[in-house]
Amino acid sequence: TFPVTIECDASVDKLKQIIYEKADILRNKQNLIYCGQEIDEGHLLSEYNIQDSSQITVVRLRAMNSDDLLVLDKSALDTTYDYDFTNINDNGKKFIRGGVEYRRPCGWKRYAIRVAGKYENEVWLGSNNSSDEWPVSYHGTRHDAVNSIAQKGYDLTKHKRFAYGRGVYSTPDINIAKPYAKSFTVNAQEYLVILQNRVNPKTLIKLSQNETGVGEYWISSNPADIRPYGICIMKKP
């Protein structure tokens, strides 16, 4: 047990930094618990009603042979729709979802997220190019954020940089998302993880390659308008 002096309206990020300086526990290895609830980065301590003399439990996350293992929550998955694109080449082929070209995640293996019954209907997830279908996008992320996003969706409070305006950024091309995917290591092999989504075309903001300099970006200002439905994983070359 050790005391920490911090303002009640300070951020969880700041608290984790102080704990790192005092106890030498890396921020990404800290799991903070208050009154039985995990407190997350990107939020203020006051949001959890943390006050003077409050006691917070610090759980040091255990490393596994220095590997950052990705463990997918089976309850959040739907194996019926898993698909291995590892050895598939779509050259000369074209697919459409929601009136927009669907560039399949060739070279990746997709694990399907369970979305049945989660939303008002499943028309958005269709593959017949119907008028209410949503197009497909990709979002590169950290492996330790995957389960949370798969279950709860995207959280704008955890996004710190908005180069072209506030919102969740994604792209219709998985190769553009790839540089944003943080690698993790299992048994000396590095892997990358990217989330596959459907995005609401009615609220979508599109930025061209000419505007970004790297590729087409899509911005969903409301996290409810971007729905993750697949977890794509590949071995890092």
C-alpha atoms as a PDB file:
ATOM      1  CA  THR A   1       0.000   0.000   0.000  1.00  0.00           C
ATOM      2  CA  PHE A   2       1.281   3.458  -0.864  1.00  0.00           C
ATOM      3  CA  PRO A   3      -0.337   6.907  -0.857  1.00  0.00           C
ATOM      4  CA  VAL A   4      -0.845   8.971  -4.007  1.00  0.00           C
ATOM      5  CA  THR A   5      -1.547  12.687  -4.066  1.00  0.00           C
ATOM      6  CA  ILE A   6      -3.693  13.633  -7.042  1.00  0.00           C
ATOM      7  CA  GLU A   7      -6.635  15.910  -7.810  1.00  0.00           C
ATOM      8  CA  CYS A   8     -10.056  14.239  -7.795  1.00  0.00           C
ATOM      9  CA  ASP A   9     -10.779  15.657 -11.244  1.00  0.00           C
ATOM     10  CA  ALA A  10      -7.496  14.384 -12.702  1.00  0.00           C
ATOM     11  CA  SER A  11      -7.452  11.736 -15.414  1.00  0.00           C
ATOM     12  CA  VAL A  12      -6.951   8.009 -14.962  1.00  0.00           C
ATOM     13  CA  ASP A  13      -3.997   8.381 -17.347  1.00  0.00           C
ATOM     14  CA  LYS A  14      -2.307  10.756 -14.898  1.00  0.00           C
ATOM     15  CA  LEU A  15      -2.906   8.374 -12.000  1.00  0.00           C
ATOM     16  CA  LYS A  16      -1.347   5.507 -13.952  1.00  0.00           C
ATOM     17  CA  GLN A  17       1.697   7.655 -14.682  1.00  0.00           C
ATOM     18  CA  ILE A  18       2.130   8.441 -10.972  1.00  0.00           C
ATOM     19  CA  ILE A  19       1.814   4.746 -10.106  1.00  0.00           C
ATOM     20  CA  TYR A  20       4.465   3.969 -12.714  1.00  0.00           C
ATOM     21  CA  GLU A  21       6.808   6.527 -11.146  1.00  0.00           C
ATOM     22  CA  LYS A  22       6.176   5.248  -7.609  1.00  0.00           C
ATOM     23  CA  ALA A  23       5.912   1.495  -8.120  1.00  0.00           C
ATOM     24  CA  ASP A  24       7.655   0.952 -11.475  1.00  0.00           C
ATOM     25  CA  ILE A  25       4.600  -0.779 -12.967  1.00  0.00           C
ATOM     26  CA  LEU A  26       4.218   0.010 -16.660  1.00  0.00           C
ATOM     27  CA  ARG A  27       0.938   1.718 -17.512  1.00  0.00           C
ATOM     28  CA  ASN A  28      -0.146  -1.052 -19.878  1.00  0.00           C
ATOM     29  CA  LYS A  29       0.463  -3.575 -17.083  1.00  0.00           C
ATOM     30  CA  GLN A  30      -1.794  -1.781 -14.578  1.00  0.00           C
ATOM     31  CA  ASN A  31      -5.379  -2.805 -13.956  1.00  0.00           C
ATOM     32  CA  LEU A  32      -6.989  -0.299 -11.568  1.00  0.00           C
ATOM     33  CA  ILE A  33     -10.030  -1.376  -9.543  1.00  0.00           C
ATOM     34  CA  TYR A  34     -12.246   0.896  -7.441  1.00  0.00           C
ATOM     35  CA  CYS A  35     -15.314  -0.432  -5.603  1.00  0.00           C
ATOM     36  CA  GLY A  36     -15.200  -3.569  -7.744  1.00  0.00           C
ATOM     37  CA  GLN A  37     -15.177  -1.620 -11.017  1.00  0.00           C
ATOM     38  CA  GLU A  38     -12.273  -1.322 -13.443  1.00  0.00           C
ATOM     39  CA  ILE A  39     -11.375   2.301 -14.139  1.00  0.00           C
ATOM     40  CA  ASP A  40     -10.226   3.023 -17.670  1.00  0.00           C
ATOM     41  CA  GLU A  41      -7.831   5.439 -19.313  1.00  0.00           C
ATOM     42  CA  GLY A  42      -9.478   8.316 -21.106  1.00  0.00           C
ATOM     43  CA  HIS A  43     -11.763   9.025 -18.145  1.00  0.00           C
ATOM     44  CA  LEU A  44     -11.603  11.301 -15.099  1.00  0.00           C
ATOM     45  CA  LEU A  45     -11.343   9.970 -11.547  1.00  0.00           C
ATOM     46  CA  SER A  46     -14.411  12.016 -10.654  1.00  0.00           C
ATOM     47  CA  GLU A  47     -16.467   9.984 -13.135  1.00  0.00           C
ATOM     48  CA  TYR A  48     -16.005   7.022 -10.788  1.00  0.00           C
ATOM     49  CA  ASN A  49     -16.846   9.129  -7.698  1.00  0.00           C
ATOM     50  CA  ILE A  50     -13.267   8.791  -6.442  1.00  0.00           C
ATOM     51  CA  GLN A  51     -12.721  11.228  -3.577  1.00  0.00           C
ATOM     52  CA  ASP A  52     -10.159  12.087  -0.900  1.00  0.00           C
ATOM     53  CA  SER A  53      -8.826   8.999   0.921  1.00  0.00           C
ATOM     54  CA  SER A  54     -10.361   6.620  -1.629  1.00  0.00           C
ATOM     55  CA  GLN A  55      -8.565   3.284  -1.877  1.00  0.00           C
ATOM     56  CA  ILE A  56      -7.781   1.971  -5.346  1.00  0.00           C
ATOM     57  CA  THR A  57      -6.455  -1.522  -5.982  1.00  0.00           C
ATOM     58  CA  VAL A  58      -3.605  -1.867  -8.474  1.00  0.00           C
ATOM     59  CA  VAL A  59      -3.391  -5.264 -10.153  1.00  0.00           C
ATOM     60  CA  ARG A  60      -0.125  -5.911 -11.975  1.00  0.00           C
ATOM     61  CA  LEU A  61      -0.975  -7.747 -15.194  1.00  0.00           C
ATOM     62  CA  ARG A  62       1.156 -10.850 -15.487  1.00  0.00           C
ATOM     63  CA  ALA A  63       3.492 -11.158 -18.444  1.00  0.00           C
ATOM     64  CA  MET A  64       3.636 -14.520 -20.230  1.00  0.00           C
ATOM     65  CA  ASN A  65       7.230 -15.119 -21.302  1.00  0.00           C
ATOM     66  CA  SER A  66       7.370 -11.473 -22.363  1.00  0.00           C
ATOM     67  CA  ASP A  67       4.709 -12.196 -24.982  1.00  0.00           C
ATOM     68  CA  ASP A  68       1.707  -9.904 -25.312  1.00  0.00           C
ATOM     69  CA  LEU A  69      -0.787 -12.695 -25.841  1.00  0.00           C
ATOM     70  CA  LEU A  70      -4.102 -11.873 -27.492  1.00  0.00           C
ATOM     71  CA  VAL A  71      -6.906 -13.866 -25.872  1.00  0.00           C
ATOM     72  CA  LEU A  72     -10.222 -13.523 -27.682  1.00  0.00           C
ATOM     73  CA  ASP A  73     -13.364 -13.716 -25.558  1.00  0.00           C
ATOM     74  CA  LYS A  74     -15.283 -16.708 -26.951  1.00  0.00           C
ATOM     75  CA  SER A  75     -18.612 -15.313 -25.751  1.00  0.00           C
ATOM     76  CA  ALA A  76     -18.119 -12.347 -28.091  1.00  0.00           C
ATOM     77  CA  LEU A  77     -17.385 -14.503 -31.155  1.00  0.00           C
ATOM     78  CA  ASP A  78     -19.512 -16.318 -33.730  1.00  0.00           C
ATOM     79  CA  THR A  79     -17.380 -19.051 -35.302  1.00  0.00           C
ATOM     80  CA  THR A  80     -20.042 -19.751 -37.950  1.00  0.00           C
ATOM     81  CA  TYR A  81     -18.820 -16.718 -39.859  1.00  0.00           C
ATOM     82  CA  ASP A  82     -15.068 -17.107 -39.366  1.00  0.00           C
ATOM     83  CA  TYR A  83     -13.217 -16.994 -42.680  1.00  0.00           C
ATOM     84  CA  ASP A  84      -9.604 -17.581 -43.611  1.00  0.00           C
ATOM     85  CA  PHE A  85      -8.490 -15.120 -46.306  1.00  0.00           C
ATOM     86  CA  THR A  86      -4.804 -15.969 -45.777  1.00  0.00           C
ATOM     87  CA  ASN A  87      -4.193 -17.520 -49.192  1.00  0.00           C
ATOM     88  CA  ILE A  88      -6.910 -15.734 -51.171  1.00  0.00           C
ATOM     89  CA  ASN A  89      -6.119 -13.344 -54.015  1.00  0.00           C
ATOM     90  CA  ASP A  90      -8.958 -11.138 -55.264  1.00  0.00           C
ATOM     91  CA  ASN A  91      -7.162  -9.694 -58.290  1.00  0.00           C
ATOM     92  CA  GLY A  92      -9.717  -9.237 -61.068  1.00  0.00           C
ATOM     93  CA  LYS A  93     -12.650  -9.679 -58.689  1.00  0.00           C
ATOM     94  CA  LYS A  94     -14.959  -7.032 -57.292  1.00  0.00           C
ATOM     95  CA  PHE A  95     -17.366  -7.213 -54.372  1.00  0.00           C
ATOM     96  CA  ILE A  96     -19.937  -4.628 -53.284  1.00  0.00           C
ATOM     97  CA  ARG A  97     -21.404  -3.902 -49.856  1.00  0.00           C
ATOM     98  CA  GLY A  98     -23.767  -0.996 -49.296  1.00  0.00           C
ATOM     99  CA  GLY A  99     -23.110   0.413 -52.755  1.00  0.00           C
ATOM    100  CA  VAL A 100     -19.363   0.651 -52.107  1.00  0.00           C
ATOM    101  CA  GLU A 101     -16.550  -1.655 -53.210  1.00  0.00           C
ATOM    102  CA  TYR A 102     -15.747  -4.231 -50.531  1.00  0.00           C
ATOM    103  CA  ARG A 103     -12.023  -4.921 -50.468  1.00  0.00           C
ATOM    104  CA  ARG A 104     -11.808  -8.232 -48.690  1.00  0.00           C
ATOM    105  CA  PRO A 105      -9.045  -8.763 -46.087  1.00  0.00           C
ATOM    106  CA  CYS A 106      -6.886 -11.001 -48.277  1.00  0.00           C
ATOM    107  CA  GLY A 107      -3.861 -12.305 -46.386  1.00  0.00           C
ATOM    108  CA  TRP A 108      -5.687 -12.201 -43.045  1.00  0.00           C
ATOM    109  CA  LYS A 109      -7.779 -14.620 -41.013  1.00  0.00           C
ATOM    110  CA  ARG A 110     -11.089 -13.178 -39.822  1.00  0.00           C
ATOM    111  CA  TYR A 111     -12.740 -14.183 -36.564  1.00  0.00           C
ATOM    112  CA  ALA A 112     -16.400 -13.138 -36.583  1.00  0.00           C
ATOM    113  CA  ILE A 113     -17.823 -11.055 -33.737  1.00  0.00           C
ATOM    114  CA  ARG A 114     -21.233 -12.119 -32.458  1.00  0.00           C
ATOM    115  CA  VAL A 115     -23.672  -9.400 -33.560  1.00  0.00           C
ATOM    116  CA  ALA A 116     -26.907 -11.389 -33.982  1.00  0.00           C
ATOM    117  CA  GLY A 117     -29.635  -9.696 -31.955  1.00  0.00           C
ATOM    118  CA  LYS A 118     -27.340  -6.900 -30.861  1.00  0.00           C
ATOM    119  CA  TYR A 119     -28.913  -4.216 -33.053  1.00  0.00           C
ATOM    120  CA  GLU A 120     -32.402  -3.303 -34.273  1.00  0.00           C
ATOM    121  CA  ASN A 121     -32.001  -5.556 -37.342  1.00  0.00           C
ATOM    122  CA  GLU A 122     -29.304  -7.213 -39.439  1.00  0.00           C
ATOM    123  CA  VAL A 123     -29.982  -5.548 -42.793  1.00  0.00           C
ATOM    124  CA  TRP A 124     -26.872  -3.374 -42.285  1.00  0.00           C
ATOM    125  CA  LEU A 125     -24.782  -6.565 -42.320  1.00  0.00           C
ATOM    126  CA  GLY A 126     -26.181  -7.898 -45.592  1.00  0.00           C
ATOM    127  CA  SER A 127     -24.240  -9.037 -48.655  1.00  0.00           C
ATOM    128  CA  ASN A 128     -26.832  -8.392 -51.386  1.00  0.00           C
ATOM    129  CA  ASN A 129     -26.028  -4.711 -51.906  1.00  0.00           C
ATOM    130  CA  SER A 130     -29.458  -3.684 -50.624  1.00  0.00           C
ATOM    131  CA  SER A 131     -30.265  -0.020 -50.000  1.00  0.00           C
ATOM    132  CA  ASP A 132     -29.911  -0.298 -46.216  1.00  0.00           C
ATOM    133  CA  GLU A 133     -26.634  -2.222 -46.234  1.00  0.00           C
ATOM    134  CA  TRP A 134     -23.615  -0.569 -44.653  1.00  0.00           C
ATOM    135  CA  PRO A 135     -20.209  -0.598 -46.419  1.00  0.00           C
ATOM    136  CA  VAL A 136     -17.147  -2.310 -44.951  1.00  0.00           C
ATOM    137  CA  SER A 137     -14.201  -0.572 -43.290  1.00  0.00           C
ATOM    138  CA  TYR A 138     -11.097  -1.455 -41.276  1.00  0.00           C
ATOM    139  CA  HIS A 139      -9.575   0.008 -38.120  1.00  0.00           C
ATOM    140  CA  GLY A 140      -6.061  -0.799 -36.909  1.00  0.00           C
ATOM    141  CA  THR A 141      -5.731  -0.974 -33.128  1.00  0.00           C
ATOM    142  CA  ARG A 142      -3.865  -2.437 -30.149  1.00  0.00           C
ATOM    143  CA  HIS A 143      -4.450  -6.087 -29.376  1.00  0.00           C
ATOM    144  CA  ASP A 144      -5.409  -5.253 -25.783  1.00  0.00           C
ATOM    145  CA  ALA A 145      -8.295  -3.074 -26.999  1.00  0.00           C
ATOM    146  CA  VAL A 146      -9.893  -5.723 -29.206  1.00  0.00           C
ATOM    147  CA  ASN A 147     -12.156  -7.456 -26.681  1.00  0.00           C
ATOM    148  CA  SER A 148     -13.507  -4.194 -25.299  1.00  0.00           C
ATOM    149  CA  ILE A 149     -14.330  -2.831 -28.766  1.00  0.00           C
ATOM    150  CA  ALA A 150     -15.842  -6.153 -29.869  1.00  0.00           C
ATOM    151  CA  GLN A 151     -18.211  -6.186 -26.902  1.00  0.00           C
ATOM    152  CA  LYS A 152     -18.931  -2.504 -26.254  1.00  0.00           C
ATOM    153  CA  GLY A 153     -18.110  -0.788 -29.534  1.00  0.00           C
ATOM    154  CA  TYR A 154     -15.795   2.162 -30.084  1.00  0.00           C
ATOM    155  CA  ASP A 155     -15.230   4.727 -27.334  1.00  0.00           C
ATOM    156  CA  LEU A 156     -14.296   8.219 -28.527  1.00  0.00           C
ATOM    157  CA  THR A 157     -12.923   9.139 -25.095  1.00  0.00           C
ATOM    158  CA  LYS A 158     -10.057   6.712 -25.729  1.00  0.00           C
ATOM    159  CA  HIS A 159      -9.088   8.410 -28.988  1.00  0.00           C
ATOM    160  CA  LYS A 160      -6.632  11.233 -28.420  1.00  0.00           C
ATOM    161  CA  ARG A 161      -5.813  12.534 -31.901  1.00  0.00           C
ATOM    162  CA  PHE A 162      -8.288  13.726 -34.524  1.00  0.00           C
ATOM    163  CA  ALA A 163      -6.308  14.986 -37.518  1.00  0.00           C
ATOM    164  CA  TYR A 164      -9.394  15.698 -39.637  1.00  0.00           C
ATOM    165  CA  GLY A 165     -12.107  16.186 -37.027  1.00  0.00           C
ATOM    166  CA  ARG A 166     -13.537  14.264 -34.091  1.00  0.00           C
ATOM    167  CA  GLY A 167     -14.745  10.733 -34.769  1.00  0.00           C
ATOM    168  CA  VAL A 168     -13.720   7.102 -35.209  1.00  0.00           C
ATOM    169  CA  TYR A 169     -11.336   6.743 -38.153  1.00  0.00           C
ATOM    170  CA  SER A 170     -11.414   3.761 -40.486  1.00  0.00           C
ATOM    171  CA  THR A 171     -10.653   2.968 -44.118  1.00  0.00           C
ATOM    172  CA  PRO A 172     -12.120   0.738 -46.857  1.00  0.00           C
ATOM    173  CA  ASP A 173      -8.628  -0.661 -47.554  1.00  0.00           C
ATOM    174  CA  ILE A 174      -7.097  -2.977 -44.954  1.00  0.00           C
ATOM    175  CA  ASN A 175      -3.615  -2.125 -46.263  1.00  0.00           C
ATOM    176  CA  ILE A 176      -4.160   1.510 -45.257  1.00  0.00           C
ATOM    177  CA  ALA A 177      -5.216   0.379 -41.760  1.00  0.00           C
ATOM    178  CA  LYS A 178      -2.217  -1.932 -41.400  1.00  0.00           C
ATOM    179  CA  PRO A 179       0.325   0.704 -40.225  1.00  0.00           C
ATOM    180  CA  TYR A 180      -2.053   1.576 -37.364  1.00  0.00           C
ATOM    181  CA  ALA A 181      -2.207  -2.018 -36.138  1.00  0.00           C
ATOM    182  CA  LYS A 182       0.097  -2.544 -33.167  1.00  0.00           C
ATOM    183  CA  SER A 183       1.980  -5.846 -33.241  1.00  0.00           C
ATOM    184  CA  PHE A 184       1.891  -8.438 -30.480  1.00  0.00           C
ATOM    185  CA  THR A 185       4.081 -11.491 -30.035  1.00  0.00           C
ATOM    186  CA  VAL A 186       3.187 -15.120 -29.380  1.00  0.00           C
ATOM    187  CA  ASN A 187       5.898 -17.782 -29.242  1.00  0.00           C
ATOM    188  CA  ALA A 188       8.420 -15.444 -30.901  1.00  0.00           C
ATOM    189  CA  GLN A 189       6.055 -14.783 -33.839  1.00  0.00           C
ATOM    190  CA  GLU A 190       4.687 -11.265 -34.322  1.00  0.00           C
ATOM    191  CA  TYR A 191       1.066 -10.743 -35.318  1.00  0.00           C
ATOM    192  CA  LEU A 192      -1.115  -7.785 -36.296  1.00  0.00           C
ATOM    193  CA  VAL A 193      -4.786  -7.245 -35.498  1.00  0.00           C
ATOM    194  CA  ILE A 194      -7.343  -5.084 -37.326  1.00  0.00           C
ATOM    195  CA  LEU A 195     -11.069  -4.715 -36.725  1.00  0.00           C
ATOM    196  CA  GLN A 196     -13.486  -5.151 -39.627  1.00  0.00           C
ATOM    197  CA  ASN A 197     -16.555  -2.914 -39.425  1.00  0.00           C
ATOM    198  CA  ARG A 198     -19.710  -1.807 -41.154  1.00  0.00           C
ATOM    199  CA  VAL A 199     -20.241   1.968 -41.246  1.00  0.00           C
ATOM    200  CA  ASN A 200     -23.424   3.996 -41.608  1.00  0.00           C
ATOM    201  CA  PRO A 201     -23.175   5.591 -45.084  1.00  0.00           C
ATOM    202  CA  LYS A 202     -25.683   8.314 -44.183  1.00  0.00           C
ATOM    203  CA  THR A 203     -23.366   9.916 -41.626  1.00  0.00           C
ATOM    204  CA  LEU A 204     -20.007   8.925 -43.099  1.00  0.00           C
ATOM    205  CA  ILE A 205     -17.383  11.565 -43.849  1.00  0.00           C
ATOM    206  CA  LYS A 206     -14.994  10.469 -46.601  1.00  0.00           C
ATOM    207  CA  LEU A 207     -11.506  11.850 -47.141  1.00  0.00           C
ATOM    208  CA  SER A 208      -9.729  11.053 -50.407  1.00  0.00           C
ATOM    209  CA  GLN A 209      -6.116   9.995 -50.846  1.00  0.00           C
ATOM    210  CA  ASN A 210      -5.388  13.480 -52.183  1.00  0.00           C
ATOM    211  CA  GLU A 211      -6.608  14.960 -48.906  1.00  0.00           C
ATOM    212  CA  THR A 212      -4.784  12.571 -46.552  1.00  0.00           C
ATOM    213  CA  GLY A 213      -1.682  11.835 -48.617  1.00  0.00           C
ATOM    214  CA  VAL A 214      -1.781   8.141 -47.678  1.00  0.00           C
ATOM    215  CA  GLY A 215      -5.143   6.688 -48.653  1.00  0.00           C
ATOM    216  CA  GLU A 216      -8.895   7.002 -48.230  1.00  0.00           C
ATOM    217  CA  TYR A 217     -10.026   7.715 -44.680  1.00  0.00           C
ATOM    218  CA  TRP A 218     -13.566   7.420 -43.370  1.00  0.00           C
ATOM    219  CA  ILE A 219     -14.748   9.271 -40.267  1.00  0.00           C
ATOM    220  CA  SER A 220     -17.761   8.238 -38.195  1.00  0.00           C
ATOM    221  CA  SER A 221     -18.540  11.128 -35.848  1.00  0.00           C
ATOM    222  CA  ASN A 222     -20.886   8.975 -33.772  1.00  0.00           C
ATOM    223  CA  PRO A 223     -19.405   5.662 -32.525  1.00  0.00           C
ATOM    224  CA  ALA A 224     -22.871   4.112 -32.941  1.00  0.00           C
ATOM    225  CA  ASP A 225     -22.413   4.513 -36.706  1.00  0.00           C
ATOM    226  CA  ILE A 226     -19.445   2.142 -36.902  1.00  0.00           C
ATOM    227  CA  ARG A 227     -20.117  -1.454 -35.894  1.00  0.00           C
ATOM    228  CA  PRO A 228     -17.254  -3.968 -35.526  1.00  0.00           C
ATOM    229  CA  TYR A 229     -18.159  -7.429 -36.809  1.00  0.00           C
ATOM    230  CA  GLY A 230     -14.816  -9.112 -37.437  1.00  0.00           C
ATOM    231  CA  ILE A 231     -11.329  -9.429 -35.925  1.00  0.00           C
ATOM    232  CA  CYS A 232      -8.656  -9.838 -38.617  1.00  0.00           C
ATOM    233  CA  ILE A 233      -5.301 -11.330 -37.629  1.00  0.00           C
ATOM    234  CA  MET A 234      -2.186 -12.001 -39.686  1.00  0.00           C
ATOM    235  CA  LYS A 235       1.415 -12.980 -39.080  1.00  0.00           C
ATOM    236  CA  LYS A 236       3.676  -9.986 -39.419  1.00  0.00           C
ATOM    237  CA  PRO A 237       5.993 -10.497 -42.424  1.00  0.00           C
END
